Amino acid sequence: LSVASFESSYRKSVDDGVGRGDGGRSYCLMQVSVGDGTTREGWTGAQLIEDRTRCFRSALHVLQLSFGMCHSYPLEDRLAAYATGHCFLEARISRSRVDRARRWWWAHPLAAASES
């Protein structure tokens, strides 16, 4: 959700497919790039827009790929490939997303199992 907040700001125009990024190649709230017409899962941009589950599932795969590509970098820099296509140190574009996620996590701790 932190990544989506940066990628689309949850704008309705992005959610409904009117607003797209990267020259019209990125779709849905997570701004998933559909360079050759489909995602790695075989979904089109229109399919990502029509089903948010597809949008977030596809983005999760790209996030995992980014973490794998950037595995030798500090945790804070591992989303660089998601946002830019390559890994690099001191990646502000990655660090901002990781930092927002961490701040939310710390502000909303999980209840202990005994408290549920």
PDB file of N, CA and C in Angstrom:
ATOM      1  N   LEU A   1       0.821  -1.200   0.000  1.00  0.00           N
ATOM      2  CA  LEU A   1       0.000   0.000   0.000  1.00  0.00           C
ATOM      3  C   LEU A   1       0.857   1.253   0.000  1.00  0.00           C
ATOM      4  N   SER A   2       2.018   1.164   0.650  1.00  0.00           N
ATOM      5  CA  SER A   2       2.936   2.291   0.624  1.00  0.00           C
ATOM      6  C   SER A   2       3.359   2.587  -0.805  1.00  0.00           C
ATOM      7  N   VAL A   3       3.682   1.566  -1.558  1.00  0.00           N
ATOM      8  CA  VAL A   3       4.095   1.754  -2.944  1.00  0.00           C
ATOM      9  C   VAL A   3       2.945   2.353  -3.754  1.00  0.00           C
ATOM     10  N   ALA A   4       1.738   1.848  -3.573  1.00  0.00           N
ATOM     11  CA  ALA A   4       0.588   2.384  -4.307  1.00  0.00           C
ATOM     12  C   ALA A   4       0.368   3.856  -3.997  1.00  0.00           C
ATOM     13  N   SER A   5       0.589   4.238  -2.748  1.00  0.00           N
ATOM     14  CA  SER A   5       0.382   5.642  -2.385  1.00  0.00           C
ATOM     15  C   SER A   5       1.341   6.552  -3.144  1.00  0.00           C
ATOM     16  N   PHE A   6       2.552   6.081  -3.398  1.00  0.00           N
ATOM     17  CA  PHE A   6       3.512   6.865  -4.174  1.00  0.00           C
ATOM     18  C   PHE A   6       3.237   6.767  -5.668  1.00  0.00           C
ATOM     19  N   GLU A   7       2.891   5.585  -6.134  1.00  0.00           N
ATOM     20  CA  GLU A   7       2.724   5.369  -7.569  1.00  0.00           C
ATOM     21  C   GLU A   7       1.491   6.069  -8.133  1.00  0.00           C
ATOM     22  N   SER A   8       0.376   6.017  -7.413  1.00  0.00           N
ATOM     23  CA  SER A   8      -0.880   6.539  -7.962  1.00  0.00           C
ATOM     24  C   SER A   8      -1.576   7.554  -7.067  1.00  0.00           C
ATOM     25  N   SER A   9      -1.144   7.678  -5.834  1.00  0.00           N
ATOM     26  CA  SER A   9      -1.833   8.514  -4.843  1.00  0.00           C
ATOM     27  C   SER A   9      -3.302   8.115  -4.724  1.00  0.00           C
ATOM     28  N   TYR A  10      -3.619   6.903  -5.119  1.00  0.00           N
ATOM     29  CA  TYR A  10      -4.985   6.365  -5.101  1.00  0.00           C
ATOM     30  C   TYR A  10      -5.960   7.231  -5.899  1.00  0.00           C
ATOM     31  N   ARG A  11      -5.461   7.905  -6.918  1.00  0.00           N
ATOM     32  CA  ARG A  11      -6.325   8.763  -7.728  1.00  0.00           C
ATOM     33  C   ARG A  11      -7.345   7.929  -8.505  1.00  0.00           C
ATOM     34  N   LYS A  12      -8.583   8.407  -8.536  1.00  0.00           N
ATOM     35  CA  LYS A  12      -9.653   7.724  -9.265  1.00  0.00           C
ATOM     36  C   LYS A  12      -9.301   7.568 -10.737  1.00  0.00           C
ATOM     37  N   SER A  13      -8.689   8.594 -11.328  1.00  0.00           N
ATOM     38  CA  SER A  13      -8.352   8.518 -12.753  1.00  0.00           C
ATOM     39  C   SER A  13      -7.372   7.389 -13.050  1.00  0.00           C
ATOM     40  N   VAL A  14      -6.506   7.063 -12.098  1.00  0.00           N
ATOM     41  CA  VAL A  14      -5.573   5.948 -12.271  1.00  0.00           C
ATOM     42  C   VAL A  14      -6.306   4.633 -12.046  1.00  0.00           C
ATOM     43  N   ASP A  15      -7.163   4.602 -11.029  1.00  0.00           N
ATOM     44  CA  ASP A  15      -7.912   3.392 -10.704  1.00  0.00           C
ATOM     45  C   ASP A  15      -8.841   2.993 -11.852  1.00  0.00           C
ATOM     46  N   ASP A  16      -9.427   3.974 -12.533  1.00  0.00           N
ATOM     47  CA  ASP A  16     -10.356   3.636 -13.618  1.00  0.00           C
ATOM     48  C   ASP A  16      -9.674   3.535 -14.989  1.00  0.00           C
ATOM     49  N   GLY A  17      -8.334   3.725 -15.023  1.00  0.00           N
ATOM     50  CA  GLY A  17      -7.574   3.512 -16.246  1.00  0.00           C
ATOM     51  C   GLY A  17      -7.407   4.721 -17.137  1.00  0.00           C
ATOM     52  N   VAL A  18      -8.008   5.841 -16.783  1.00  0.00           N
ATOM     53  CA  VAL A  18      -7.854   7.049 -17.587  1.00  0.00           C
ATOM     54  C   VAL A  18      -6.433   7.592 -17.444  1.00  0.00           C
ATOM     55  N   GLY A  19      -5.941   7.637 -16.205  1.00  0.00           N
ATOM     56  CA  GLY A  19      -4.584   8.101 -15.943  1.00  0.00           C
ATOM     57  C   GLY A  19      -3.608   6.941 -15.923  1.00  0.00           C
ATOM     58  N   ARG A  20      -2.569   7.039 -16.748  1.00  0.00           N
ATOM     59  CA  ARG A  20      -1.545   6.002 -16.784  1.00  0.00           C
ATOM     60  C   ARG A  20      -0.185   6.674 -16.786  1.00  0.00           C
ATOM     61  N   GLY A  21       0.794   5.953 -16.297  1.00  0.00           N
ATOM     62  CA  GLY A  21       2.146   6.496 -16.231  1.00  0.00           C
ATOM     63  C   GLY A  21       3.068   5.889 -17.265  1.00  0.00           C
ATOM     64  N   ASP A  22       4.311   6.362 -17.252  1.00  0.00           N
ATOM     65  CA  ASP A  22       5.352   5.832 -18.130  1.00  0.00           C
ATOM     66  C   ASP A  22       4.935   5.824 -19.591  1.00  0.00           C
ATOM     67  N   GLY A  23       4.422   6.947 -20.042  1.00  0.00           N
ATOM     68  CA  GLY A  23       4.026   7.050 -21.444  1.00  0.00           C
ATOM     69  C   GLY A  23       2.843   6.175 -21.809  1.00  0.00           C
ATOM     70  N   GLY A  24       1.990   5.884 -20.825  1.00  0.00           N
ATOM     71  CA  GLY A  24       0.807   5.065 -21.068  1.00  0.00           C
ATOM     72  C   GLY A  24       1.034   3.577 -20.918  1.00  0.00           C
ATOM     73  N   ARG A  25       2.233   3.169 -20.493  1.00  0.00           N
ATOM     74  CA  ARG A  25       2.554   1.740 -20.362  1.00  0.00           C
ATOM     75  C   ARG A  25       2.292   1.176 -18.965  1.00  0.00           C
ATOM     76  N   SER A  26       2.006   2.031 -17.969  1.00  0.00           N
ATOM     77  CA  SER A  26       1.810   1.561 -16.595  1.00  0.00           C
ATOM     78  C   SER A  26       0.362   1.740 -16.173  1.00  0.00           C
ATOM     79  N   TYR A  27      -0.182   0.696 -15.577  1.00  0.00           N
ATOM     80  CA  TYR A  27      -1.611   0.619 -15.286  1.00  0.00           C
ATOM     81  C   TYR A  27      -1.888   0.373 -13.803  1.00  0.00           C
ATOM     82  N   CYS A  28      -3.054   0.727 -13.406  1.00  0.00           N
ATOM     83  CA  CYS A  28      -3.689   0.457 -12.113  1.00  0.00           C
ATOM     84  C   CYS A  28      -3.005   1.208 -10.972  1.00  0.00           C
ATOM     85  N   LEU A  29      -3.537   1.046  -9.783  1.00  0.00           N
ATOM     86  CA  LEU A  29      -3.059   1.798  -8.620  1.00  0.00           C
ATOM     87  C   LEU A  29      -1.587   1.567  -8.315  1.00  0.00           C
ATOM     88  N   MET A  30      -1.055   0.433  -8.729  1.00  0.00           N
ATOM     89  CA  MET A  30       0.355   0.129  -8.496  1.00  0.00           C
ATOM     90  C   MET A  30       1.249   0.519  -9.663  1.00  0.00           C
ATOM     91  N   GLN A  31       0.648   1.067 -10.733  1.00  0.00           N
ATOM     92  CA  GLN A  31       1.395   1.495 -11.915  1.00  0.00           C
ATOM     93  C   GLN A  31       2.323   0.384 -12.426  1.00  0.00           C
ATOM     94  N   VAL A  32       1.727  -0.767 -12.668  1.00  0.00           N
ATOM     95  CA  VAL A  32       2.450  -1.925 -13.198  1.00  0.00           C
ATOM     96  C   VAL A  32       2.729  -1.684 -14.682  1.00  0.00           C
ATOM     97  N   SER A  33       3.979  -1.842 -15.069  1.00  0.00           N
ATOM     98  CA  SER A  33       4.366  -1.648 -16.457  1.00  0.00           C
ATOM     99  C   SER A  33       3.929  -2.840 -17.301  1.00  0.00           C
ATOM    100  N   VAL A  34       3.274  -2.543 -18.396  1.00  0.00           N
ATOM    101  CA  VAL A  34       2.829  -3.571 -19.334  1.00  0.00           C
ATOM    102  C   VAL A  34       3.507  -3.263 -20.671  1.00  0.00           C
ATOM    103  N   GLY A  35       4.829  -3.414 -20.665  1.00  0.00           N
ATOM    104  CA  GLY A  35       5.646  -3.008 -21.795  1.00  0.00           C
ATOM    105  C   GLY A  35       5.305  -3.663 -23.115  1.00  0.00           C
ATOM    106  N   ASP A  36       5.222  -4.988 -23.179  1.00  0.00           N
ATOM    107  CA  ASP A  36       4.976  -5.670 -24.452  1.00  0.00           C
ATOM    108  C   ASP A  36       3.503  -6.004 -24.651  1.00  0.00           C
ATOM    109  N   GLY A  37       2.636  -5.446 -23.821  1.00  0.00           N
ATOM    110  CA  GLY A  37       1.201  -5.690 -23.954  1.00  0.00           C
ATOM    111  C   GLY A  37       0.611  -6.525 -22.843  1.00  0.00           C
ATOM    112  N   THR A  38       1.461  -7.283 -22.131  1.00  0.00           N
ATOM    113  CA  THR A  38       0.967  -8.081 -21.011  1.00  0.00           C
ATOM    114  C   THR A  38       1.998  -8.079 -19.876  1.00  0.00           C
ATOM    115  N   THR A  39       1.510  -8.410 -18.694  1.00  0.00           N
ATOM    116  CA  THR A  39       2.391  -8.583 -17.539  1.00  0.00           C
ATOM    117  C   THR A  39       3.052  -9.954 -17.628  1.00  0.00           C
ATOM    118  N   ARG A  40       3.905 -10.252 -16.690  1.00  0.00           N
ATOM    119  CA  ARG A  40       4.549 -11.579 -16.653  1.00  0.00           C
ATOM    120  C   ARG A  40       3.518 -12.684 -16.480  1.00  0.00           C
ATOM    121  N   GLU A  41       2.375 -12.338 -15.872  1.00  0.00           N
ATOM    122  CA  GLU A  41       1.303 -13.314 -15.657  1.00  0.00           C
ATOM    123  C   GLU A  41       0.426 -13.465 -16.901  1.00  0.00           C
ATOM    124  N   GLY A  42       0.638 -12.587 -17.896  1.00  0.00           N
ATOM    125  CA  GLY A  42      -0.156 -12.641 -19.114  1.00  0.00           C
ATOM    126  C   GLY A  42      -1.369 -11.723 -19.106  1.00  0.00           C
ATOM    127  N   TRP A  43      -1.455 -10.820 -18.131  1.00  0.00           N
ATOM    128  CA  TRP A  43      -2.596  -9.909 -18.035  1.00  0.00           C
ATOM    129  C   TRP A  43      -2.329  -8.633 -18.814  1.00  0.00           C
ATOM    130  N   THR A  44      -3.371  -8.120 -19.433  1.00  0.00           N
ATOM    131  CA  THR A  44      -3.286  -6.846 -20.128  1.00  0.00           C
ATOM    132  C   THR A  44      -3.504  -5.707 -19.131  1.00  0.00           C
ATOM    133  N   GLY A  45      -3.203  -4.501 -19.559  1.00  0.00           N
ATOM    134  CA  GLY A  45      -3.464  -3.337 -18.720  1.00  0.00           C
ATOM    135  C   GLY A  45      -4.932  -3.233 -18.363  1.00  0.00           C
ATOM    136  N   ALA A  46      -5.811  -3.496 -19.322  1.00  0.00           N
ATOM    137  CA  ALA A  46      -7.254  -3.449 -19.070  1.00  0.00           C
ATOM    138  C   ALA A  46      -7.653  -4.454 -17.995  1.00  0.00           C
ATOM    139  N   GLN A  47      -7.046  -5.632 -18.006  1.00  0.00           N
ATOM    140  CA  GLN A  47      -7.363  -6.643 -16.988  1.00  0.00           C
ATOM    141  C   GLN A  47      -6.877  -6.216 -15.607  1.00  0.00           C
ATOM    142  N   LEU A  48      -5.762  -5.505 -15.540  1.00  0.00           N
ATOM    143  CA  LEU A  48      -5.278  -4.999 -14.254  1.00  0.00           C
ATOM    144  C   LEU A  48      -6.242  -3.960 -13.698  1.00  0.00           C
ATOM    145  N   ILE A  49      -6.794  -3.144 -14.578  1.00  0.00           N
ATOM    146  CA  ILE A  49      -7.722  -2.105 -14.146  1.00  0.00           C
ATOM    147  C   ILE A  49      -9.054  -2.705 -13.705  1.00  0.00           C
ATOM    148  N   GLU A  50      -9.520  -3.709 -14.407  1.00  0.00           N
ATOM    149  CA  GLU A  50     -10.833  -4.275 -14.096  1.00  0.00           C
ATOM    150  C   GLU A  50     -10.832  -5.103 -12.817  1.00  0.00           C
ATOM    151  N   ASP A  51      -9.662  -5.531 -12.357  1.00  0.00           N
ATOM    152  CA  ASP A  51      -9.586  -6.387 -11.168  1.00  0.00           C
ATOM    153  C   ASP A  51      -8.397  -5.964 -10.310  1.00  0.00           C
ATOM    154  N   ARG A  52      -8.677  -5.292  -9.199  1.00  0.00           N
ATOM    155  CA  ARG A  52      -7.588  -4.824  -8.329  1.00  0.00           C
ATOM    156  C   ARG A  52      -6.756  -5.972  -7.783  1.00  0.00           C
ATOM    157  N   THR A  53      -7.349  -7.147  -7.619  1.00  0.00           N
ATOM    158  CA  THR A  53      -6.573  -8.294  -7.145  1.00  0.00           C
ATOM    159  C   THR A  53      -5.462  -8.603  -8.140  1.00  0.00           C
ATOM    160  N   ARG A  54      -5.781  -8.563  -9.431  1.00  0.00           N
ATOM    161  CA  ARG A  54      -4.749  -8.776 -10.452  1.00  0.00           C
ATOM    162  C   ARG A  54      -3.679  -7.691 -10.360  1.00  0.00           C
ATOM    163  N   CYS A  55      -4.120  -6.457 -10.191  1.00  0.00           N
ATOM    164  CA  CYS A  55      -3.187  -5.330 -10.091  1.00  0.00           C
ATOM    165  C   CYS A  55      -2.184  -5.564  -8.967  1.00  0.00           C
ATOM    166  N   PHE A  56      -2.690  -5.854  -7.781  1.00  0.00           N
ATOM    167  CA  PHE A  56      -1.805  -6.004  -6.628  1.00  0.00           C
ATOM    168  C   PHE A  56      -1.013  -7.312  -6.680  1.00  0.00           C
ATOM    169  N   ARG A  57      -1.582  -8.353  -7.240  1.00  0.00           N
ATOM    170  CA  ARG A  57      -0.839  -9.618  -7.376  1.00  0.00           C
ATOM    171  C   ARG A  57       0.328  -9.437  -8.350  1.00  0.00           C
ATOM    172  N   SER A  58       0.068  -8.798  -9.461  1.00  0.00           N
ATOM    173  CA  SER A  58       1.129  -8.553 -10.431  1.00  0.00           C
ATOM    174  C   SER A  58       2.208  -7.663  -9.822  1.00  0.00           C
ATOM    175  N   ALA A  59       1.784  -6.612  -9.120  1.00  0.00           N
ATOM    176  CA  ALA A  59       2.750  -5.713  -8.471  1.00  0.00           C
ATOM    177  C   ALA A  59       3.569  -6.454  -7.425  1.00  0.00           C
ATOM    178  N   LEU A  60       2.935  -7.347  -6.675  1.00  0.00           N
ATOM    179  CA  LEU A  60       3.670  -8.123  -5.677  1.00  0.00           C
ATOM    180  C   LEU A  60       4.780  -8.926  -6.348  1.00  0.00           C
ATOM    181  N   HIS A  61       4.496  -9.504  -7.493  1.00  0.00           N
ATOM    182  CA  HIS A  61       5.529 -10.259  -8.208  1.00  0.00           C
ATOM    183  C   HIS A  61       6.676  -9.348  -8.636  1.00  0.00           C
ATOM    184  N   VAL A  62       6.358  -8.145  -9.084  1.00  0.00           N
ATOM    185  CA  VAL A  62       7.403  -7.204  -9.490  1.00  0.00           C
ATOM    186  C   VAL A  62       8.185  -6.727  -8.264  1.00  0.00           C
ATOM    187  N   LEU A  63       7.499  -6.518  -7.151  1.00  0.00           N
ATOM    188  CA  LEU A  63       8.183  -6.137  -5.904  1.00  0.00           C
ATOM    189  C   LEU A  63       9.149  -7.245  -5.468  1.00  0.00           C
ATOM    190  N   GLN A  64       8.701  -8.489  -5.547  1.00  0.00           N
ATOM    191  CA  GLN A  64       9.565  -9.615  -5.193  1.00  0.00           C
ATOM    192  C   GLN A  64      10.766  -9.690  -6.130  1.00  0.00           C
ATOM    193  N   LEU A  65      10.532  -9.455  -7.409  1.00  0.00           N
ATOM    194  CA  LEU A  65      11.621  -9.443  -8.380  1.00  0.00           C
ATOM    195  C   LEU A  65      12.623  -8.341  -8.040  1.00  0.00           C
ATOM    196  N   SER A  66      12.122  -7.176  -7.667  1.00  0.00           N
ATOM    197  CA  SER A  66      12.992  -6.062  -7.293  1.00  0.00           C
ATOM    198  C   SER A  66      13.842  -6.423  -6.078  1.00  0.00           C
ATOM    199  N   PHE A  67      13.204  -7.023  -5.066  1.00  0.00           N
ATOM    200  CA  PHE A  67      13.958  -7.431  -3.881  1.00  0.00           C
ATOM    201  C   PHE A  67      15.016  -8.459  -4.249  1.00  0.00           C
ATOM    202  N   GLY A  68      14.697  -9.372  -5.162  1.00  0.00           N
ATOM    203  CA  GLY A  68      15.673 -10.364  -5.595  1.00  0.00           C
ATOM    204  C   GLY A  68      16.818  -9.755  -6.386  1.00  0.00           C
ATOM    205  N   MET A  69      16.482  -8.854  -7.303  1.00  0.00           N
ATOM    206  CA  MET A  69      17.512  -8.202  -8.104  1.00  0.00           C
ATOM    207  C   MET A  69      18.454  -7.374  -7.234  1.00  0.00           C
ATOM    208  N   CYS A  70      17.899  -6.756  -6.209  1.00  0.00           N
ATOM    209  CA  CYS A  70      18.662  -5.835  -5.366  1.00  0.00           C
ATOM    210  C   CYS A  70      19.041  -6.469  -4.025  1.00  0.00           C
ATOM    211  N   HIS A  71      19.081  -7.801  -3.966  1.00  0.00           N
ATOM    212  CA  HIS A  71      19.284  -8.494  -2.693  1.00  0.00           C
ATOM    213  C   HIS A  71      20.590  -8.126  -1.986  1.00  0.00           C
ATOM    214  N   SER A  72      21.596  -7.687  -2.717  1.00  0.00           N
ATOM    215  CA  SER A  72      22.878  -7.356  -2.083  1.00  0.00           C
ATOM    216  C   SER A  72      22.914  -5.914  -1.567  1.00  0.00           C
ATOM    217  N   TYR A  73      21.834  -5.184  -1.788  1.00  0.00           N
ATOM    218  CA  TYR A  73      21.749  -3.791  -1.328  1.00  0.00           C
ATOM    219  C   TYR A  73      21.031  -3.735   0.021  1.00  0.00           C
ATOM    220  N   PRO A  74      21.187  -2.640   0.756  1.00  0.00           N
ATOM    221  CA  PRO A  74      20.446  -2.507   2.012  1.00  0.00           C
ATOM    222  C   PRO A  74      18.939  -2.620   1.754  1.00  0.00           C
ATOM    223  N   LEU A  75      18.210  -3.109   2.726  1.00  0.00           N
ATOM    224  CA  LEU A  75      16.766  -3.293   2.612  1.00  0.00           C
ATOM    225  C   LEU A  75      16.089  -2.041   2.055  1.00  0.00           C
ATOM    226  N   GLU A  76      16.507  -0.888   2.509  1.00  0.00           N
ATOM    227  CA  GLU A  76      15.884   0.375   2.112  1.00  0.00           C
ATOM    228  C   GLU A  76      16.016   0.660   0.618  1.00  0.00           C
ATOM    229  N   ASP A  77      16.989   0.038  -0.047  1.00  0.00           N
ATOM    230  CA  ASP A  77      17.242   0.291  -1.465  1.00  0.00           C
ATOM    231  C   ASP A  77      16.673  -0.790  -2.387  1.00  0.00           C
ATOM    232  N   ARG A  78      16.028  -1.785  -1.847  1.00  0.00           N
ATOM    233  CA  ARG A  78      15.628  -2.947  -2.644  1.00  0.00           C
ATOM    234  C   ARG A  78      14.383  -2.735  -3.511  1.00  0.00           C
ATOM    235  N   LEU A  79      13.721  -1.597  -3.377  1.00  0.00           N
ATOM    236  CA  LEU A  79      12.600  -1.297  -4.270  1.00  0.00           C
ATOM    237  C   LEU A  79      13.024  -0.429  -5.446  1.00  0.00           C
ATOM    238  N   ALA A  80      14.311  -0.161  -5.552  1.00  0.00           N
ATOM    239  CA  ALA A  80      14.806   0.684  -6.637  1.00  0.00           C
ATOM    240  C   ALA A  80      14.468   0.092  -8.002  1.00  0.00           C
ATOM    241  N   ALA A  81      14.627  -1.205  -8.159  1.00  0.00           N
ATOM    242  CA  ALA A  81      14.348  -1.823  -9.456  1.00  0.00           C
ATOM    243  C   ALA A  81      12.864  -1.735  -9.801  1.00  0.00           C
ATOM    244  N   TYR A  82      11.994  -1.818  -8.808  1.00  0.00           N
ATOM    245  CA  TYR A  82      10.551  -1.658  -9.052  1.00  0.00           C
ATOM    246  C   TYR A  82      10.274  -0.277  -9.633  1.00  0.00           C
ATOM    247  N   ALA A  83      10.886   0.717  -9.038  1.00  0.00           N
ATOM    248  CA  ALA A  83      10.580   2.099  -9.403  1.00  0.00           C
ATOM    249  C   ALA A  83      11.357   2.601 -10.621  1.00  0.00           C
ATOM    250  N   THR A  84      12.561   2.055 -10.852  1.00  0.00           N
ATOM    251  CA  THR A  84      13.399   2.610 -11.917  1.00  0.00           C
ATOM    252  C   THR A  84      13.898   1.579 -12.922  1.00  0.00           C
ATOM    253  N   GLY A  85      13.825   0.311 -12.579  1.00  0.00           N
ATOM    254  CA  GLY A  85      14.333  -0.728 -13.477  1.00  0.00           C
ATOM    255  C   GLY A  85      15.738  -1.183 -13.159  1.00  0.00           C
ATOM    256  N   HIS A  86      16.406  -0.519 -12.215  1.00  0.00           N
ATOM    257  CA  HIS A  86      17.750  -0.974 -11.839  1.00  0.00           C
ATOM    258  C   HIS A  86      18.003  -0.698 -10.354  1.00  0.00           C
ATOM    259  N   CYS A  87      18.998  -1.371  -9.811  1.00  0.00           N
ATOM    260  CA  CYS A  87      19.361  -1.259  -8.394  1.00  0.00           C
ATOM    261  C   CYS A  87      20.472  -0.229  -8.228  1.00  0.00           C
ATOM    262  N   PHE A  88      20.410   0.522  -7.147  1.00  0.00           N
ATOM    263  CA  PHE A  88      21.497   1.432  -6.818  1.00  0.00           C
ATOM    264  C   PHE A  88      21.401   1.823  -5.355  1.00  0.00           C
ATOM    265  N   LEU A  89      22.529   2.222  -4.810  1.00  0.00           N
ATOM    266  CA  LEU A  89      22.606   2.628  -3.408  1.00  0.00           C
ATOM    267  C   LEU A  89      22.010   4.020  -3.211  1.00  0.00           C
ATOM    268  N   GLU A  90      21.561   4.251  -1.987  1.00  0.00           N
ATOM    269  CA  GLU A  90      20.999   5.555  -1.622  1.00  0.00           C
ATOM    270  C   GLU A  90      19.829   5.923  -2.536  1.00  0.00           C
ATOM    271  N   ALA A  91      19.011   4.930  -2.854  1.00  0.00           N
ATOM    272  CA  ALA A  91      17.889   5.116  -3.774  1.00  0.00           C
ATOM    273  C   ALA A  91      16.729   5.789  -3.041  1.00  0.00           C
ATOM    274  N   ARG A  92      16.663   7.099  -3.144  1.00  0.00           N
ATOM    275  CA  ARG A  92      15.602   7.839  -2.452  1.00  0.00           C
ATOM    276  C   ARG A  92      14.220   7.360  -2.859  1.00  0.00           C
ATOM    277  N   ILE A  93      14.053   6.993  -4.118  1.00  0.00           N
ATOM    278  CA  ILE A  93      12.764   6.530  -4.619  1.00  0.00           C
ATOM    279  C   ILE A  93      12.335   5.237  -3.909  1.00  0.00           C
ATOM    280  N   SER A  94      13.275   4.402  -3.552  1.00  0.00           N
ATOM    281  CA  SER A  94      12.997   3.189  -2.791  1.00  0.00           C
ATOM    282  C   SER A  94      12.840   3.501  -1.310  1.00  0.00           C
ATOM    283  N   ARG A  95      13.749   4.265  -0.783  1.00  0.00           N
ATOM    284  CA  ARG A  95      13.750   4.551   0.654  1.00  0.00           C
ATOM    285  C   ARG A  95      12.477   5.249   1.108  1.00  0.00           C
ATOM    286  N   SER A  96      11.919   6.110   0.291  1.00  0.00           N
ATOM    287  CA  SER A  96      10.680   6.793   0.668  1.00  0.00           C
ATOM    288  C   SER A  96       9.543   5.793   0.823  1.00  0.00           C
ATOM    289  N   ARG A  97       9.473   4.816  -0.050  1.00  0.00           N
ATOM    290  CA  ARG A  97       8.409   3.814   0.003  1.00  0.00           C
ATOM    291  C   ARG A  97       8.583   2.876   1.188  1.00  0.00           C
ATOM    292  N   VAL A  98       9.812   2.430   1.411  1.00  0.00           N
ATOM    293  CA  VAL A  98      10.092   1.550   2.555  1.00  0.00           C
ATOM    294  C   VAL A  98       9.858   2.293   3.863  1.00  0.00           C
ATOM    295  N   ASP A  99      10.281   3.536   3.930  1.00  0.00           N
ATOM    296  CA  ASP A  99      10.105   4.323   5.146  1.00  0.00           C
ATOM    297  C   ASP A  99       8.631   4.515   5.484  1.00  0.00           C
ATOM    298  N   ARG A 100       7.805   4.827   4.483  1.00  0.00           N
ATOM    299  CA  ARG A 100       6.371   4.994   4.744  1.00  0.00           C
ATOM    300  C   ARG A 100       5.759   3.699   5.250  1.00  0.00           C
ATOM    301  N   ALA A 101       6.136   2.571   4.679  1.00  0.00           N
ATOM    302  CA  ALA A 101       5.622   1.271   5.129  1.00  0.00           C
ATOM    303  C   ALA A 101       6.058   0.982   6.570  1.00  0.00           C
ATOM    304  N   ARG A 102       7.296   1.261   6.878  1.00  0.00           N
ATOM    305  CA  ARG A 102       7.788   1.029   8.248  1.00  0.00           C
ATOM    306  C   ARG A 102       7.074   1.914   9.256  1.00  0.00           C
ATOM    307  N   ARG A 103       6.887   3.189   8.909  1.00  0.00           N
ATOM    308  CA  ARG A 103       6.195   4.098   9.834  1.00  0.00           C
ATOM    309  C   ARG A 103       4.782   3.609  10.103  1.00  0.00           C
ATOM    310  N   TRP A 104       4.079   3.138   9.086  1.00  0.00           N
ATOM    311  CA  TRP A 104       2.728   2.628   9.279  1.00  0.00           C
ATOM    312  C   TRP A 104       2.771   1.379  10.162  1.00  0.00           C
ATOM    313  N   TRP A 105       3.706   0.497   9.893  1.00  0.00           N
ATOM    314  CA  TRP A 105       3.828  -0.748  10.662  1.00  0.00           C
ATOM    315  C   TRP A 105       4.070  -0.443  12.142  1.00  0.00           C
ATOM    316  N   TRP A 106       4.972   0.494  12.411  1.00  0.00           N
ATOM    317  CA  TRP A 106       5.284   0.841  13.801  1.00  0.00           C
ATOM    318  C   TRP A 106       4.109   1.531  14.484  1.00  0.00           C
ATOM    319  N   ALA A 107       3.348   2.298  13.753  1.00  0.00           N
ATOM    320  CA  ALA A 107       2.192   3.004  14.322  1.00  0.00           C
ATOM    321  C   ALA A 107       0.989   2.089  14.538  1.00  0.00           C
ATOM    322  N   HIS A 108       0.981   0.925  13.894  1.00  0.00           N
ATOM    323  CA  HIS A 108      -0.139  -0.012  13.974  1.00  0.00           C
ATOM    324  C   HIS A 108       0.361  -1.418  14.299  1.00  0.00           C
ATOM    325  N   PRO A 109       0.934  -1.612  15.488  1.00  0.00           N
ATOM    326  CA  PRO A 109       1.467  -2.945  15.808  1.00  0.00           C
ATOM    327  C   PRO A 109       0.361  -3.991  15.865  1.00  0.00           C
ATOM    328  N   LEU A 110       0.744  -5.191  15.483  1.00  0.00           N
ATOM    329  CA  LEU A 110      -0.198  -6.303  15.567  1.00  0.00           C
ATOM    330  C   LEU A 110      -0.512  -6.607  17.021  1.00  0.00           C
ATOM    331  N   ALA A 111      -1.765  -6.921  17.302  1.00  0.00           N
ATOM    332  CA  ALA A 111      -2.149  -7.315  18.647  1.00  0.00           C
ATOM    333  C   ALA A 111      -1.555  -8.692  18.931  1.00  0.00           C
ATOM    334  N   ALA A 112      -1.113  -8.909  20.151  1.00  0.00           N
ATOM    335  CA  ALA A 112      -0.602 -10.229  20.530  1.00  0.00           C
ATOM    336  C   ALA A 112      -1.728 -11.244  20.407  1.00  0.00           C
ATOM    337  N   ALA A 113      -1.373 -12.481  20.119  1.00  0.00           N
ATOM    338  CA  ALA A 113      -2.373 -13.535  19.927  1.00  0.00           C
ATOM    339  C   ALA A 113      -3.293 -13.650  21.131  1.00  0.00           C
ATOM    340  N   SER A 114      -2.760 -13.425  22.326  1.00  0.00           N
ATOM    341  CA  SER A 114      -3.583 -13.546  23.530  1.00  0.00           C
ATOM    342  C   SER A 114      -4.570 -12.383  23.672  1.00  0.00           C
ATOM    343  N   GLU A 115      -4.327 -11.271  22.962  1.00  0.00           N
ATOM    344  CA  GLU A 115      -5.200 -10.111  23.036  1.00  0.00           C
ATOM    345  C   GLU A 115      -6.362 -10.228  22.050  1.00  0.00           C
ATOM    346  N   SER A 116      -6.278 -11.145  21.112  1.00  0.00           N
ATOM    347  CA  SER A 116      -7.304 -11.274  20.059  1.00  0.00           C
ATOM    348  C   SER A 116      -8.566 -11.898  20.575  1.00  0.00           C
TER     349      SER A 116
END
